[in-house]
């Protein structure tokens, strides 16, 4: 006779654990089903590519076979990720990994024995040219048409320039909410995920420069007239350390007065 050992914990805890195991099992089943569908889609797309190499490149059935393979990869992943049900983080990562690997394999199946159509590398060259020269439309001998359509390279070059932009100081100026003795304070981009959101501003109408950046351009202003304003063109939360932020806030409050 089989004697079942007693389960530890109150019934509510046991029920929660059982529900968690069932949820994990369902997630694993869904991921497995998506993986099988994606693998089948890769095989179908590979068969279409083989048909093209055998002389059936223009055949409607070969085109339909290729897009069927793509649908078998894309539809299950998209349906799960865009469903109304909550998708766990681990399941999301697994689905994205399946999609990435499957699409890369489909690309390889197009020309498995030769290095053909390396478009991403050729566009990468255009992106590097934008970063190094600071100009668009730089000649690219690998893909001459690429520089004339910089919609791929320019946004990525701009994003990279923002994300790797080194920390820069801001310096308090006279006639502002803070006296010049405040000196240079380095902006901490790490608090905003490494991105640099600071900007520049041109004071007018009696406004005075409050801060300048490392190139002596104004990036904050103050105004005192019928009303008072202090405007920072950089994120306050990126301003130095907590003590620097507290000091600046006290100076602003003092500037506003009672």
Protein backbone atom coordinates (compact mmCIF):
# COMPACT_ATOMS: atom_id res chain seq x y z
CA UNK A 1 0.00 0.00 0.00
CA UNK A 2 1.31 3.44 -0.97
CA UNK A 3 1.25 5.94 1.86
CA UNK A 4 1.30 9.55 0.73
CA UNK A 5 3.41 11.79 2.99
CA UNK A 6 1.63 14.76 4.52
CA UNK A 7 2.08 18.08 2.70
CA UNK A 8 3.59 20.91 4.66
CA UNK A 9 1.93 24.24 5.11
CA UNK A 10 -1.68 25.40 5.36
CA UNK A 11 -4.15 24.57 2.56
CA UNK A 12 -3.95 28.10 1.08
CA UNK A 13 -0.19 27.82 0.66
CA UNK A 14 -0.48 24.38 -0.92
CA UNK A 15 -3.14 25.67 -3.29
CA UNK A 16 -0.98 28.65 -4.30
CA UNK A 17 2.00 26.39 -4.95
CA UNK A 18 -0.14 24.04 -7.02
CA UNK A 19 -1.48 26.98 -9.06
CA UNK A 20 2.05 28.29 -9.62
CA UNK A 21 3.20 24.88 -10.87
CA UNK A 22 0.22 24.65 -13.21
CA UNK A 23 0.91 28.14 -14.57
CA UNK A 24 4.57 27.29 -15.18
CA UNK A 25 3.60 24.03 -16.90
CA UNK A 26 1.14 25.84 -19.18
CA UNK A 27 3.79 28.43 -20.04
CA UNK A 28 6.31 25.70 -20.88
CA UNK A 29 3.72 23.99 -23.08
CA UNK A 30 2.97 27.23 -24.93
CA UNK A 31 6.66 27.97 -25.47
CA UNK A 32 7.23 24.42 -26.70
CA UNK A 33 4.32 24.69 -29.14
CA UNK A 34 5.64 28.01 -30.47
CA UNK A 35 9.13 26.53 -30.83
CA UNK A 36 7.79 23.55 -32.79
CA UNK A 37 5.78 25.86 -35.05
CA UNK A 38 8.81 28.10 -35.62
CA UNK A 39 11.06 25.12 -36.40
CA UNK A 40 8.50 23.85 -38.89
CA UNK A 41 8.28 27.32 -40.40
CA UNK A 42 12.06 27.42 -40.86
CA UNK A 43 11.91 24.05 -42.63
CA UNK A 44 9.09 25.23 -44.90
CA UNK A 45 10.92 28.47 -45.77
CA UNK A 46 14.10 26.48 -46.40
CA UNK A 47 12.16 24.24 -48.80
CA UNK A 48 10.94 27.35 -50.65
CA UNK A 49 14.53 28.64 -50.90
CA UNK A 50 15.66 25.26 -52.23
CA UNK A 51 12.90 25.38 -54.82
CA UNK A 52 14.17 28.79 -55.91
CA UNK A 53 17.71 27.48 -56.35
CA UNK A 54 16.33 24.61 -58.44
CA UNK A 55 14.78 27.00 -60.93
CA UNK A 56 11.36 27.68 -59.41
CA UNK A 57 12.12 31.15 -58.05
CA UNK A 58 9.21 32.74 -59.96
CA UNK A 59 6.67 30.05 -59.22
CA UNK A 60 3.64 31.25 -57.22
CA UNK A 61 3.63 28.07 -55.16
CA UNK A 62 7.24 28.68 -54.11
CA UNK A 63 6.43 32.23 -52.99
CA UNK A 64 3.37 30.96 -51.11
CA UNK A 65 5.49 28.28 -49.45
CA UNK A 66 8.02 30.86 -48.25
CA UNK A 67 5.37 33.14 -46.75
CA UNK A 68 3.68 30.16 -45.14
CA UNK A 69 6.95 29.42 -43.38
CA UNK A 70 7.24 33.02 -42.24
CA UNK A 71 3.67 32.94 -40.93
CA UNK A 72 4.39 29.79 -38.94
CA UNK A 73 7.23 31.65 -37.23
CA UNK A 74 5.63 35.07 -36.75
CA UNK A 75 1.97 34.39 -36.03
CA UNK A 76 2.29 32.17 -32.91
CA UNK A 77 4.89 34.45 -31.32
CA UNK A 78 2.91 37.61 -32.10
CA UNK A 79 -0.36 36.09 -30.94
CA UNK A 80 1.12 35.19 -27.57
CA UNK A 81 3.00 38.45 -27.00
CA UNK A 82 0.03 40.59 -28.03
CA UNK A 83 -2.60 38.57 -26.18
CA UNK A 84 -4.54 40.10 -23.32
CA UNK A 85 -3.25 37.54 -20.88
CA UNK A 86 -0.22 38.46 -18.82
CA UNK A 87 2.99 36.94 -20.18
CA UNK A 88 5.69 36.14 -17.64
CA UNK A 89 9.12 37.65 -18.14
CA UNK A 90 10.78 34.26 -18.70
CA UNK A 91 8.18 33.31 -21.31
CA UNK A 92 8.63 36.67 -23.07
CA UNK A 93 12.39 36.19 -23.27
CA UNK A 94 11.94 32.66 -24.58
CA UNK A 95 9.47 33.78 -27.27
CA UNK A 96 11.73 36.60 -28.44
CA UNK A 97 14.71 34.23 -28.52
CA UNK A 98 12.72 31.74 -30.61
CA UNK A 99 11.68 34.47 -33.05
CA UNK A 100 15.23 35.81 -33.35
CA UNK A 101 16.84 32.42 -33.93
CA UNK A 102 14.16 31.31 -36.38
CA UNK A 103 14.40 34.46 -38.50
CA UNK A 104 18.19 34.25 -38.53
CA UNK A 105 18.03 30.62 -39.66
CA UNK A 106 15.62 31.59 -42.44
CA UNK A 107 18.13 34.19 -43.57
CA UNK A 108 20.91 31.60 -43.57
CA UNK A 109 18.74 29.15 -45.51
CA UNK A 110 18.47 31.66 -48.34
CA UNK A 111 22.15 31.16 -49.14
CA UNK A 112 23.62 28.53 -46.81
CA UNK A 113 26.87 27.99 -48.74
CA UNK A 114 27.85 31.59 -49.59
CA UNK A 115 28.17 34.97 -47.90
CA UNK A 116 25.58 36.89 -49.92
CA UNK A 117 23.50 40.00 -49.31
CA UNK A 118 25.24 41.21 -46.11
CA UNK A 119 22.97 44.27 -46.03
CA UNK A 120 23.25 44.78 -42.29
CA UNK A 121 27.04 45.09 -42.53
CA UNK A 122 26.82 47.48 -45.47
CA UNK A 123 24.31 49.71 -43.66
CA UNK A 124 26.51 49.45 -40.56
CA UNK A 125 29.27 51.08 -42.62
CA UNK A 126 26.95 54.03 -43.38
CA UNK A 127 26.11 54.34 -39.68
CA UNK A 128 29.80 54.36 -38.74
CA UNK A 129 30.41 57.06 -41.38
CA UNK A 130 27.70 59.23 -39.80
CA UNK A 131 29.26 58.79 -36.35
CA UNK A 132 32.81 59.50 -37.51
CA UNK A 133 32.13 62.44 -39.84
CA UNK A 134 29.02 63.95 -38.28
CA UNK A 135 27.53 64.28 -41.78
CA UNK A 136 24.95 62.41 -43.83
CA UNK A 137 25.38 61.22 -47.42
CA UNK A 138 29.01 60.11 -47.01
CA UNK A 139 30.05 57.81 -49.88
CA UNK A 140 29.78 54.09 -49.17
CA UNK A 141 31.48 51.95 -51.81
CA UNK A 142 30.02 48.75 -50.33
CA UNK A 143 26.43 49.89 -50.93
CA UNK A 144 26.45 53.15 -52.93
CA UNK A 145 22.71 53.72 -52.54
CA UNK A 146 22.78 53.46 -48.73
CA UNK A 147 24.00 57.01 -47.95
CA UNK A 148 21.17 58.47 -50.06
CA UNK A 149 18.61 56.88 -47.72
CA UNK A 150 19.98 57.54 -44.22
CA UNK A 151 16.76 56.57 -42.45
CA UNK A 152 18.44 53.43 -41.07
CA UNK A 153 21.83 54.77 -40.09
CA UNK A 154 21.02 58.26 -38.81
CA UNK A 155 18.57 57.28 -36.00
CA UNK A 156 20.90 54.57 -34.68
CA UNK A 157 23.87 56.91 -34.85
CA UNK A 158 21.93 59.53 -32.90
CA UNK A 159 20.80 57.00 -30.30
CA UNK A 160 24.33 55.72 -29.86
CA UNK A 161 25.65 59.25 -29.46
CA UNK A 162 23.09 59.88 -26.69
CA UNK A 163 23.60 56.60 -24.86
CA UNK A 164 27.39 56.74 -24.71
CA UNK A 165 27.63 60.50 -24.19
CA UNK A 166 30.09 61.03 -21.35
CA UNK A 167 29.02 62.89 -18.22
CA UNK A 168 29.46 66.64 -18.56
CA UNK A 169 29.46 69.38 -15.95
CA UNK A 170 27.17 72.35 -15.61
CA UNK A 171 28.42 75.51 -13.99
CA UNK A 172 26.41 78.11 -12.06
CA UNK A 173 26.54 81.71 -13.33
CA UNK A 174 25.86 85.16 -11.89
CA UNK A 175 22.45 86.78 -11.65
CA UNK A 176 20.71 83.48 -11.07
CA UNK A 177 19.18 81.40 -8.35
CA UNK A 178 22.66 80.42 -7.32
CA UNK A 179 25.88 82.49 -7.05
CA UNK A 180 28.94 81.60 -9.13
CA UNK A 181 30.53 79.95 -6.10
CA UNK A 182 28.45 76.89 -6.87
CA UNK A 183 31.12 75.89 -9.41
CA UNK A 184 30.97 72.98 -11.82
CA UNK A 185 28.70 70.04 -11.04
CA UNK A 186 28.76 66.86 -13.14
CA UNK A 187 25.47 65.51 -14.47
CA UNK A 188 24.95 61.87 -13.56
CA UNK A 189 23.45 60.15 -16.61
CA UNK A 190 23.31 56.80 -14.80
CA UNK A 191 20.15 57.77 -12.91
CA UNK A 192 18.32 57.97 -16.24
CA UNK A 193 19.61 54.71 -17.64
CA UNK A 194 22.67 56.27 -19.27
CA UNK A 195 20.71 58.59 -21.56
CA UNK A 196 21.56 62.30 -21.78
CA UNK A 197 18.38 64.38 -21.82
CA UNK A 198 19.92 67.82 -21.25
CA UNK A 199 19.32 70.59 -23.75
CA UNK A 200 20.26 74.23 -24.28
CA UNK A 201 18.23 77.40 -23.99
CA UNK A 202 18.67 81.03 -25.06
CA UNK A 203 17.53 83.56 -22.42
CA UNK A 204 15.68 86.65 -23.63
CA UNK A 205 13.30 89.28 -22.31
CA UNK A 206 15.46 90.05 -19.30
CA UNK A 207 16.17 86.45 -18.35
CA UNK A 208 19.69 85.62 -17.18
CA UNK A 209 21.88 82.58 -17.71
CA UNK A 210 21.72 80.30 -14.69
CA UNK A 211 23.95 77.44 -15.84
CA UNK A 212 26.27 76.81 -18.73
CA UNK A 213 27.46 73.48 -20.05
CA UNK A 214 31.00 72.39 -20.82
CA UNK A 215 30.97 74.38 -24.06
CA UNK A 216 29.84 77.58 -22.28
CA UNK A 217 26.35 77.38 -23.84
CA UNK A 218 23.40 78.30 -21.64
CA UNK A 219 21.33 75.37 -20.40
CA UNK A 220 19.40 77.04 -17.56
CA UNK A 221 17.96 80.49 -16.90
CA UNK A 222 16.35 82.61 -14.23
CA UNK A 223 14.04 85.61 -14.45
CA UNK A 224 13.07 88.13 -11.79
CA UNK A 225 10.44 90.76 -12.58
CA UNK A 226 6.73 90.87 -11.93
CA UNK A 227 7.19 87.16 -11.35
CA UNK A 228 10.15 84.84 -10.90
CA UNK A 229 11.19 81.76 -12.87
CA UNK A 230 14.02 79.27 -12.68
CA UNK A 231 14.20 76.90 -15.65
CA UNK A 232 16.66 74.01 -16.00
CA UNK A 233 17.28 72.56 -19.45
CA UNK A 234 18.73 69.44 -17.82
CA UNK A 235 17.08 66.87 -15.53
CA UNK A 236 17.20 67.93 -11.90
CA UNK A 237 17.57 64.29 -10.82
CA UNK A 238 20.81 64.05 -12.86
CA UNK A 239 22.31 67.10 -11.13
CA UNK A 240 25.30 65.82 -9.14
CA UNK A 241 24.71 63.98 -5.90
CA UNK A 242 21.89 64.29 -3.40
CA UNK A 243 23.77 67.01 -1.51
CA UNK A 244 24.15 69.05 -4.71
CA UNK A 245 20.44 68.74 -5.46
CA UNK A 246 19.55 69.81 -1.93
CA UNK A 247 21.87 72.81 -2.15
CA UNK A 248 20.45 73.89 -5.52
CA UNK A 249 16.87 73.55 -4.29
CA UNK A 250 17.63 75.70 -1.24
CA UNK A 251 19.13 78.38 -3.48
CA UNK A 252 16.07 78.33 -5.73
CA UNK A 253 13.73 78.67 -2.75
CA UNK A 254 15.85 81.56 -1.46
CA UNK A 255 15.69 83.18 -4.89
CA UNK A 256 11.91 83.05 -4.88
CA UNK A 257 11.88 84.67 -1.44
CA UNK A 258 9.07 84.71 1.13
